[in-house]
Amino acid sequence: MKRIVGAVALVGLSLGLAACATSNNDYASKTESYDSNRKVAQQATIEYTTDRRNFEPVCGQAPNTAVVFGGTQQVLTSRQEAVTRYSVSTPVYSCESNEGNGSGGDWGGFYDRPGDKAQQLNNAIKGVGKAIAPHLVPYFQQGKPRSWYSFSNVITNAAREIQAKTGINASWANGVLYQYKADNIRNLGYLGGTNCTIVRYDTQTYEDRQFIQDLSVVVEIRGSGAKLLPGECDKYSVSWNGREVSGGVSSDYNRYNVAVNYDALTASYSQGRKAVVTFTGQRAVVNPGYLIEIQGSTAVATSGGVQINVRNSALNQMMAVPEFANACKLHANVSISGRTGSAWSGKKTAVLKTASFPLDGTQGSTSYTASGVTMQEKQHPVVKISTAFAPGCPFYNTSVVDNGTIEE
């Protein structure tokens, strides 16, 4: 299993505010006093986004196994935001889907007077604000929503599209539709007559995010100490959470220590501070992988024996590394049986012979003849094969790998 190495620290500022009670009854007797009675719980924090970058994997290359790299840089940016979370008791009215002629509401002159349309919308819809109003104008110029339900859809869709186009967080829509719902449904004319009542109160929880600033850092990575054979790769990443840089490694072959140092000499760098993340590795003696290939290997009955040919091209690639070739000896262990018929439905004999032999990594395959094995008429050999390294290999331990069965 790959290990992820890294560290992230979290720092936050929290603030709790509370107001008081509410009640529920019909609109005629309660809506006018709803603003002063509703329950609004708030929690304010300063939060930061995390920018994480993955670097290109570093892979083993013959003849040298040493992993050494440095100089690669990335600019990471964390967004600092003021986040306020609200929990609001919001009324649900019986008339929210009822359509009217749209003439009963005060839209600040948006539909019937010339003037600054953004300011008119800001005056008419509580919770919009001067920053959002200009972006919202085109949505309401398409036509006046005829019910609170239609109005809510316009606000929700506009918030999503405005965020996609401009990056302005869509959380402002929650203020319009939840925190100031009683004001807006009344002022915009969506109560639908004297029969409109409050049927229940729903507690809505939402957050408002306000951008403060972007915080950038230049991150450079350096690595040494690890070892990789051909076909083996380690992956490196860095993260920046607005306060700290951290490094992460995904490796099956090495164990790493990750250190982060901030370079004070570049504190005035135009993109921000600079951090150097150093990955110091050490090779672990790990379980071996599949260094032979069953596909392409053969087992053929001969006079008084079985000729086995094992493909070991992966082992052959590693032999190009002198440190591996000198110290790592891979052996194959086979058990030979006979079978009549196919592998799916034929009858298999008991094991006729077991044998062990070294694999020749200097070639792409190894040939071995198991003598003293006699196949009956119409039988063919079935060879189960496993591999293991002899003690002393600095890259792999002596665990046995069951590679599979060679059968034609």
Protein backbone atom coordinates (compact mmCIF):
# COMPACT_ATOMS: atom_id res chain seq x y z
CA MET A 1 0.00 0.00 0.00
CA LYS A 2 1.29 3.45 -0.88
CA ARG A 3 2.07 5.77 2.00
CA ILE A 4 1.14 9.42 1.93
CA VAL A 5 3.53 11.66 3.86
CA GLY A 6 2.55 15.23 4.65
CA ALA A 7 1.47 17.73 7.26
CA VAL A 8 -1.19 20.44 7.26
CA ALA A 9 -1.90 22.86 10.09
CA LEU A 10 -5.24 24.61 10.52
CA VAL A 11 -5.78 28.00 12.09
CA GLY A 12 -9.20 29.65 12.37
CA LEU A 13 -11.04 32.57 13.90
CA SER A 14 -14.56 31.89 15.21
CA LEU A 15 -17.29 34.11 16.56
CA GLY A 16 -20.71 33.14 17.90
CA LEU A 17 -23.69 35.48 17.76
CA ALA A 18 -27.29 34.75 18.72
CA ALA A 19 -30.67 36.51 18.75
CA CYS A 20 -34.06 35.37 20.06
CA ALA A 21 -37.36 33.53 19.59
CA THR A 22 -40.07 33.03 16.92
CA SER A 23 -43.62 31.82 16.63
CA ASN A 24 -45.82 30.38 13.89
CA ASN A 25 -49.31 31.40 12.90
CA ASP A 26 -51.11 32.84 9.90
CA TYR A 27 -49.50 35.59 7.89
CA ALA A 28 -52.09 38.26 8.67
CA SER A 29 -51.23 38.34 12.38
CA LYS A 30 -47.52 37.50 12.39
CA THR A 31 -45.66 38.63 9.28
CA GLU A 32 -45.32 42.27 10.28
CA SER A 33 -43.45 41.30 13.47
CA TYR A 34 -41.52 38.40 11.97
CA ASP A 35 -38.27 40.33 11.45
CA SER A 36 -37.95 41.06 15.15
CA ASN A 37 -38.97 37.57 16.31
CA ARG A 38 -37.13 35.22 13.98
CA LYS A 39 -34.19 33.18 15.22
CA VAL A 40 -30.85 33.88 13.46
CA ALA A 41 -27.75 32.06 14.68
CA GLN A 42 -24.40 33.08 13.17
CA GLN A 43 -20.83 31.83 13.20
CA ALA A 44 -18.04 33.79 11.53
CA THR A 45 -14.63 32.43 10.57
CA ILE A 46 -11.69 33.23 8.33
CA GLU A 47 -11.04 30.34 5.95
CA TYR A 48 -8.48 29.46 3.31
CA THR A 49 -8.66 27.22 0.27
CA THR A 50 -5.91 24.64 -0.30
CA ASP A 51 -4.00 24.57 -3.58
CA ARG A 52 -2.47 21.14 -4.23
CA ARG A 53 -0.15 20.36 -7.15
CA ASN A 54 1.17 17.02 -8.37
CA PHE A 55 4.58 16.84 -9.99
CA GLU A 56 5.59 14.44 -12.74
CA PRO A 57 6.44 11.00 -11.28
CA VAL A 58 10.12 10.18 -10.84
CA CYS A 59 10.96 6.71 -12.18
CA GLY A 60 14.00 4.48 -11.96
CA GLN A 61 16.47 4.62 -14.85
CA ALA A 62 19.37 2.18 -15.37
CA PRO A 63 22.18 2.02 -14.53
CA ASN A 64 21.90 4.32 -11.49
CA THR A 65 19.15 3.79 -8.93
CA ALA A 66 19.69 7.04 -6.99
CA VAL A 67 16.78 9.49 -6.98
CA VAL A 68 18.09 13.06 -7.16
CA PHE A 69 16.07 16.03 -8.39
CA GLY A 70 15.67 19.72 -7.73
CA GLY A 71 14.77 23.10 -9.18
CA THR A 72 11.19 22.39 -10.24
CA GLN A 73 8.91 25.21 -9.07
CA GLN A 74 5.19 25.88 -8.89
CA VAL A 75 3.24 28.97 -7.83
CA LEU A 76 0.45 28.00 -5.44
CA THR A 77 -2.40 30.32 -4.46
CA SER A 78 -4.75 30.11 -1.50
CA ARG A 79 -7.97 32.15 -1.42
CA GLN A 80 -8.64 33.84 1.93
CA GLU A 81 -12.35 34.34 2.67
CA ALA A 82 -14.55 35.63 5.46
CA VAL A 83 -17.20 32.96 5.99
CA THR A 84 -20.38 33.55 7.95
CA ARG A 85 -22.69 30.59 8.55
CA TYR A 86 -26.32 31.29 9.28
CA SER A 87 -29.11 29.18 10.69
CA VAL A 88 -32.44 30.91 10.00
CA SER A 89 -36.00 29.92 10.84
CA THR A 90 -37.76 30.69 7.55
CA PRO A 91 -41.55 30.80 6.99
CA VAL A 92 -43.20 28.69 4.28
CA TYR A 93 -46.35 30.28 2.82
CA SER A 94 -49.39 28.66 1.29
CA CYS A 95 -49.30 31.02 -1.72
CA GLU A 96 -45.69 30.64 -2.92
CA SER A 97 -46.70 29.04 -6.24
CA ASN A 98 -49.74 31.25 -6.85
CA GLU A 99 -49.37 33.50 -9.90
CA GLY A 100 -50.61 37.08 -10.04
CA ASN A 101 -50.45 40.00 -12.42
CA GLY A 102 -47.23 41.28 -10.83
CA SER A 103 -48.62 44.71 -10.10
CA GLY A 104 -48.85 44.48 -6.32
CA GLY A 105 -45.16 44.74 -5.47
CA ASP A 106 -42.76 47.62 -5.04
CA TRP A 107 -39.92 46.98 -7.52
CA GLY A 108 -38.30 50.36 -6.94
CA GLY A 109 -39.28 51.54 -10.43
CA PHE A 110 -37.39 48.75 -12.21
CA TYR A 111 -40.31 47.94 -14.54
CA ASP A 112 -42.07 51.29 -14.78
CA ARG A 113 -39.52 54.11 -14.43
CA PRO A 114 -36.24 55.07 -16.11
CA GLY A 115 -33.14 55.19 -14.00
CA ASP A 116 -30.23 53.13 -12.70
CA LYS A 117 -31.60 49.60 -13.05
CA ALA A 118 -28.98 48.06 -10.76
CA GLN A 119 -29.79 50.57 -8.01
CA GLN A 120 -33.51 49.98 -8.50
CA LEU A 121 -33.03 46.22 -8.04
CA ASN A 122 -30.85 46.80 -5.00
CA ASN A 123 -33.58 48.98 -3.49
CA ALA A 124 -36.31 46.48 -4.29
CA ILE A 125 -34.77 43.13 -3.30
CA LYS A 126 -33.36 42.90 0.19
CA GLY A 127 -30.11 40.96 0.39
CA VAL A 128 -28.87 41.63 -3.15
CA GLY A 129 -26.32 44.37 -2.45
CA LYS A 130 -24.59 46.84 -4.74
CA ALA A 131 -21.92 44.38 -5.91
CA ILE A 132 -24.44 41.81 -7.15
CA ALA A 133 -27.19 44.08 -8.50
CA PRO A 134 -25.48 45.02 -11.83
CA HIS A 135 -25.01 41.33 -12.69
CA LEU A 136 -28.62 40.58 -11.80
CA VAL A 137 -30.25 43.21 -14.06
CA PRO A 138 -30.35 41.12 -17.30
CA TYR A 139 -32.16 38.26 -15.56
CA PHE A 140 -35.07 40.43 -14.45
CA GLN A 141 -35.19 42.38 -17.71
CA GLN A 142 -36.35 39.14 -19.33
CA GLY A 143 -39.66 39.55 -17.51
CA LYS A 144 -41.13 39.94 -14.05
CA PRO A 145 -41.54 36.63 -12.16
CA ARG A 146 -45.24 36.04 -11.46
CA SER A 147 -44.85 34.03 -8.21
CA TRP A 148 -42.43 33.60 -5.34
CA TYR A 149 -41.57 30.17 -6.76
CA SER A 150 -40.63 31.71 -10.13
CA PHE A 151 -38.73 34.51 -8.40
CA SER A 152 -36.74 31.95 -6.38
CA ASN A 153 -35.80 30.11 -9.56
CA VAL A 154 -34.55 33.32 -11.18
CA ILE A 155 -32.40 34.13 -8.13
CA THR A 156 -31.02 30.57 -7.83
CA ASN A 157 -30.14 30.25 -11.53
CA ALA A 158 -28.66 33.74 -11.66
CA ALA A 159 -26.46 33.10 -8.61
CA ARG A 160 -25.08 29.93 -10.17
CA GLU A 161 -24.38 31.56 -13.55
CA ILE A 162 -22.89 34.73 -12.03
CA GLN A 163 -20.50 32.61 -9.97
CA ALA A 164 -19.45 30.66 -13.08
CA LYS A 165 -18.81 33.86 -15.06
CA THR A 166 -17.31 36.15 -12.42
CA GLY A 167 -16.25 33.98 -9.48
CA ILE A 168 -18.62 35.84 -7.11
CA ASN A 169 -19.78 33.29 -4.58
CA ALA A 170 -23.44 32.33 -4.99
CA SER A 171 -24.12 32.44 -1.24
CA TRP A 172 -25.76 35.89 -1.50
CA ALA A 173 -28.86 34.15 -2.91
CA ASN A 174 -29.45 32.49 0.48
CA GLY A 175 -29.86 35.88 2.12
CA VAL A 176 -32.46 36.88 -0.49
CA LEU A 177 -34.43 33.63 -0.29
CA TYR A 178 -34.08 32.67 3.38
CA GLN A 179 -32.84 35.36 5.75
CA TYR A 180 -34.92 38.13 4.10
CA LYS A 181 -37.69 35.95 2.68
CA ALA A 182 -40.47 37.56 4.76
CA ASP A 183 -39.41 41.03 3.58
CA ASN A 184 -39.07 40.11 -0.08
CA ILE A 185 -42.23 38.03 -0.43
CA ARG A 186 -44.19 40.93 1.08
CA ASN A 187 -42.47 43.85 -0.64
CA LEU A 188 -42.39 42.27 -4.12
CA GLY A 189 -46.11 41.44 -4.04
CA TYR A 190 -46.04 37.65 -3.83
CA LEU A 191 -48.43 37.09 -0.92
CA GLY A 192 -51.29 36.35 -3.31
CA GLY A 193 -54.12 37.85 -1.32
CA THR A 194 -55.61 37.68 2.18
CA ASN A 195 -55.82 33.86 2.14
CA CYS A 196 -52.03 33.49 2.20
CA THR A 197 -50.92 31.89 5.45
CA ILE A 198 -47.75 30.60 7.02
CA VAL A 199 -48.05 26.81 6.99
CA ARG A 200 -44.78 26.04 8.79
CA TYR A 201 -41.27 27.24 9.56
CA ASP A 202 -38.20 25.55 8.06
CA THR A 203 -34.73 25.94 9.50
CA GLN A 204 -32.34 26.83 6.68
CA THR A 205 -28.58 26.65 7.21
CA TYR A 206 -26.31 28.36 4.72
CA GLU A 207 -23.07 30.28 4.47
CA ASP A 208 -21.93 33.57 3.02
CA ARG A 209 -18.38 33.81 1.65
CA GLN A 210 -16.64 37.12 1.07
CA PHE A 211 -13.31 37.27 -0.74
CA ILE A 212 -10.50 38.94 1.23
CA GLN A 213 -7.33 38.28 -0.75
CA ASP A 214 -5.26 35.73 -2.66
CA LEU A 215 -2.12 34.51 -0.91
CA SER A 216 0.59 33.09 -3.17
CA VAL A 217 3.79 31.17 -2.55
CA VAL A 218 6.50 29.84 -4.85
CA VAL A 219 7.26 26.20 -4.02
CA GLU A 220 10.43 24.45 -5.13
CA ILE A 221 10.96 20.71 -4.61
CA ARG A 222 14.21 18.84 -4.06
CA GLY A 223 14.80 15.14 -3.52
CA SER A 224 17.62 12.76 -2.66
CA GLY A 225 18.44 9.50 -0.90
CA ALA A 226 15.73 7.28 -2.41
CA LYS A 227 16.40 4.43 -4.85
CA LEU A 228 14.26 3.21 -7.73
CA LEU A 229 14.75 0.33 -10.17
CA PRO A 230 13.53 0.43 -13.79
CA GLY A 231 9.73 0.29 -13.86
CA GLU A 232 9.41 1.72 -10.33
CA CYS A 233 8.07 5.25 -9.82
CA ASP A 234 7.44 7.60 -6.89
CA LYS A 235 4.96 10.49 -6.96
CA TYR A 236 5.39 13.85 -5.21
CA SER A 237 2.96 16.66 -4.40
CA VAL A 238 2.90 19.97 -2.54
CA SER A 239 0.05 21.85 -0.88
CA TRP A 240 -0.46 25.41 0.33
CA ASN A 241 -3.32 26.26 2.69
CA GLY A 242 -2.64 29.98 3.06
CA ARG A 243 -0.50 29.53 6.15
CA GLU A 244 1.67 26.47 5.58
CA VAL A 245 3.28 24.54 2.74
CA SER A 246 3.34 20.76 3.03
CA GLY A 247 4.72 17.96 0.90
CA GLY A 248 3.32 14.53 0.14
CA VAL A 249 4.79 11.35 -1.35
CA SER A 250 3.16 8.24 -2.78
CA SER A 251 5.70 5.40 -2.87
CA ASP A 252 5.76 1.61 -2.72
CA TYR A 253 9.55 1.46 -2.53
CA ASN A 254 10.97 4.24 -0.34
CA ARG A 255 10.30 5.85 3.01
CA TYR A 256 10.58 9.64 3.12
CA ASN A 257 11.19 12.47 5.50
CA VAL A 258 9.63 15.72 4.26
CA ALA A 259 11.03 19.08 5.38
CA VAL A 260 9.76 22.57 4.49
CA ASN A 261 11.97 25.66 4.70
CA TYR A 262 10.90 29.20 3.87
CA ASP A 263 13.50 31.25 2.02
CA ALA A 264 13.58 34.69 3.67
CA LEU A 265 15.70 36.01 0.80
CA THR A 266 12.71 35.81 -1.53
CA ALA A 267 10.08 37.24 0.81
CA SER A 268 9.49 40.15 -1.58
CA TYR A 269 9.18 37.92 -4.64
CA SER A 270 6.50 39.29 -6.94
CA GLN A 271 4.44 36.10 -6.67
CA GLY A 272 4.83 35.86 -2.88
CA ARG A 273 7.17 34.02 -0.54
CA LYS A 274 9.21 31.00 -1.54
CA ALA A 275 9.22 27.62 0.19
CA VAL A 276 11.64 24.77 -0.46
CA VAL A 277 10.23 21.29 0.13
CA THR A 278 12.93 18.64 0.53
CA PHE A 279 12.10 14.94 0.18
CA THR A 280 14.80 12.78 1.79
CA GLY A 281 14.24 9.11 1.03
CA GLN A 282 15.60 5.74 2.05
CA ARG A 283 15.05 2.52 0.15
CA ALA A 284 12.89 -0.03 1.93
CA VAL A 285 13.45 -3.75 1.37
CA VAL A 286 9.97 -4.38 -0.04
CA ASN A 287 7.99 -7.36 -1.27
CA PRO A 288 9.02 -8.31 -4.81
CA GLY A 289 6.67 -7.83 -7.70
CA TYR A 290 5.90 -10.03 -10.70
CA LEU A 291 9.25 -10.25 -12.46
CA ILE A 292 8.32 -13.11 -14.80
CA GLU A 293 5.55 -13.27 -17.39
CA ILE A 294 3.25 -16.28 -17.53
CA GLN A 295 1.99 -15.21 -20.94
CA GLY A 296 4.62 -16.38 -23.41
CA SER A 297 6.15 -18.93 -21.01
CA THR A 298 5.87 -22.56 -22.11
CA ALA A 299 6.03 -26.10 -20.71
CA VAL A 300 6.45 -28.95 -23.22
CA ALA A 301 6.69 -32.70 -22.54
CA THR A 302 9.87 -34.33 -23.84
CA SER A 303 11.21 -37.86 -23.66
CA GLY A 304 11.40 -38.48 -19.93
CA GLY A 305 11.00 -34.87 -18.87
CA VAL A 306 9.40 -31.44 -19.25
CA GLN A 307 11.08 -28.51 -21.01
CA ILE A 308 10.16 -25.24 -19.25
CA ASN A 309 10.82 -21.82 -20.78
CA VAL A 310 10.13 -18.87 -18.46
CA ARG A 311 9.89 -15.35 -19.83
CA ASN A 312 11.63 -12.89 -17.50
CA SER A 313 12.03 -9.64 -19.47
CA ALA A 314 11.21 -7.49 -16.40
CA LEU A 315 14.07 -9.15 -14.51
CA ASN A 316 16.29 -8.61 -17.54
CA GLN A 317 15.62 -4.85 -17.42
CA MET A 318 16.70 -4.67 -13.78
CA MET A 319 19.94 -6.48 -14.49
CA ALA A 320 21.09 -3.32 -16.28
CA VAL A 321 21.57 -1.88 -12.78
CA PRO A 322 24.95 -3.17 -11.47
CA GLU A 323 23.91 -2.87 -7.81
CA PHE A 324 20.94 -5.14 -8.50
CA ALA A 325 22.79 -7.57 -10.78
CA ASN A 326 25.54 -8.13 -8.21
CA ALA A 327 23.36 -8.73 -5.17
CA CYS A 328 19.88 -9.90 -6.24
CA LYS A 329 19.36 -13.54 -7.26
CA LEU A 330 15.85 -14.63 -8.21
CA HIS A 331 14.87 -18.30 -8.09
CA ALA A 332 11.86 -20.09 -9.56
CA ASN A 333 10.09 -22.89 -7.72
CA VAL A 334 7.91 -25.19 -9.83
CA SER A 335 5.53 -28.05 -9.17
CA ILE A 336 4.74 -30.19 -12.23
CA SER A 337 1.55 -32.17 -12.80
CA GLY A 338 -0.10 -33.75 -15.82
CA ARG A 339 -3.54 -33.11 -17.24
CA THR A 340 -5.79 -34.90 -19.69
CA GLY A 341 -8.19 -32.59 -21.49
CA SER A 342 -8.61 -28.84 -21.09
CA ALA A 343 -7.75 -26.68 -18.11
CA TRP A 344 -11.49 -26.16 -17.53
CA SER A 345 -12.76 -29.71 -17.64
CA GLY A 346 -9.76 -32.07 -17.83
CA LYS A 347 -8.48 -34.35 -15.11
CA LYS A 348 -5.27 -33.30 -13.34
CA THR A 349 -2.79 -35.68 -11.74
CA ALA A 350 -1.06 -35.24 -8.42
CA VAL A 351 2.23 -33.38 -8.39
CA LEU A 352 4.79 -35.46 -10.28
CA LYS A 353 7.85 -33.38 -9.44
CA THR A 354 9.01 -30.19 -7.74
CA ALA A 355 12.15 -28.28 -8.63
CA SER A 356 13.96 -25.01 -8.02
CA PHE A 357 16.31 -23.19 -10.39
CA PRO A 358 17.86 -19.72 -10.76
CA LEU A 359 16.43 -17.36 -13.35
CA ASP A 360 18.84 -15.98 -15.92
CA GLY A 361 18.36 -12.22 -15.80
CA THR A 362 21.01 -11.65 -18.47
CA GLN A 363 18.51 -12.95 -21.04
CA GLY A 364 14.86 -12.27 -21.72
CA SER A 365 13.95 -15.83 -20.73
CA THR A 366 15.24 -18.84 -18.81
CA SER A 367 15.14 -22.48 -19.99
CA TYR A 368 15.05 -25.40 -17.58
CA THR A 369 14.56 -29.13 -18.16
CA ALA A 370 12.84 -31.12 -15.42
CA SER A 371 14.02 -34.69 -15.93
CA GLY A 372 12.40 -37.85 -14.63
CA VAL A 373 8.84 -36.73 -15.41
CA THR A 374 6.77 -39.06 -17.53
CA MET A 375 3.49 -37.91 -19.10
CA GLN A 376 0.87 -40.50 -19.88
CA GLU A 377 -0.68 -40.69 -23.36
CA LYS A 378 -2.75 -37.59 -24.17
CA GLN A 379 -1.47 -35.80 -21.07
CA HIS A 380 0.22 -32.42 -21.16
CA PRO A 381 2.30 -30.76 -18.42
CA VAL A 382 0.87 -28.25 -15.93
CA VAL A 383 3.53 -26.15 -14.19
CA LYS A 384 2.69 -24.01 -11.16
CA ILE A 385 5.46 -21.46 -10.63
CA SER A 386 6.48 -19.09 -7.85
CA THR A 387 9.52 -16.90 -7.40
CA ALA A 388 11.60 -15.60 -4.48
CA PHE A 389 14.84 -13.69 -4.03
CA ALA A 390 17.76 -15.17 -2.17
CA PRO A 391 18.81 -13.27 0.99
CA GLY A 392 21.01 -10.22 0.53
CA CYS A 393 19.11 -8.20 -2.10
CA PRO A 394 19.06 -4.52 -0.98
CA PHE A 395 15.86 -3.84 -2.94
CA TYR A 396 13.56 -6.83 -2.24
CA ASN A 397 12.93 -9.21 0.62
CA THR A 398 12.64 -13.00 0.35
CA SER A 399 8.83 -13.18 0.20
CA VAL A 400 7.44 -15.77 -2.22
CA VAL A 401 5.41 -14.51 -5.17
CA ASP A 402 2.89 -16.93 -6.67
CA ASN A 403 3.14 -16.15 -10.35
CA GLY A 404 0.54 -18.54 -11.74
CA THR A 405 0.37 -21.66 -13.92
CA ILE A 406 2.06 -22.41 -17.23
CA GLU A 407 -0.16 -24.67 -19.29
CA GLU A 408 -0.64 -25.10 -23.01
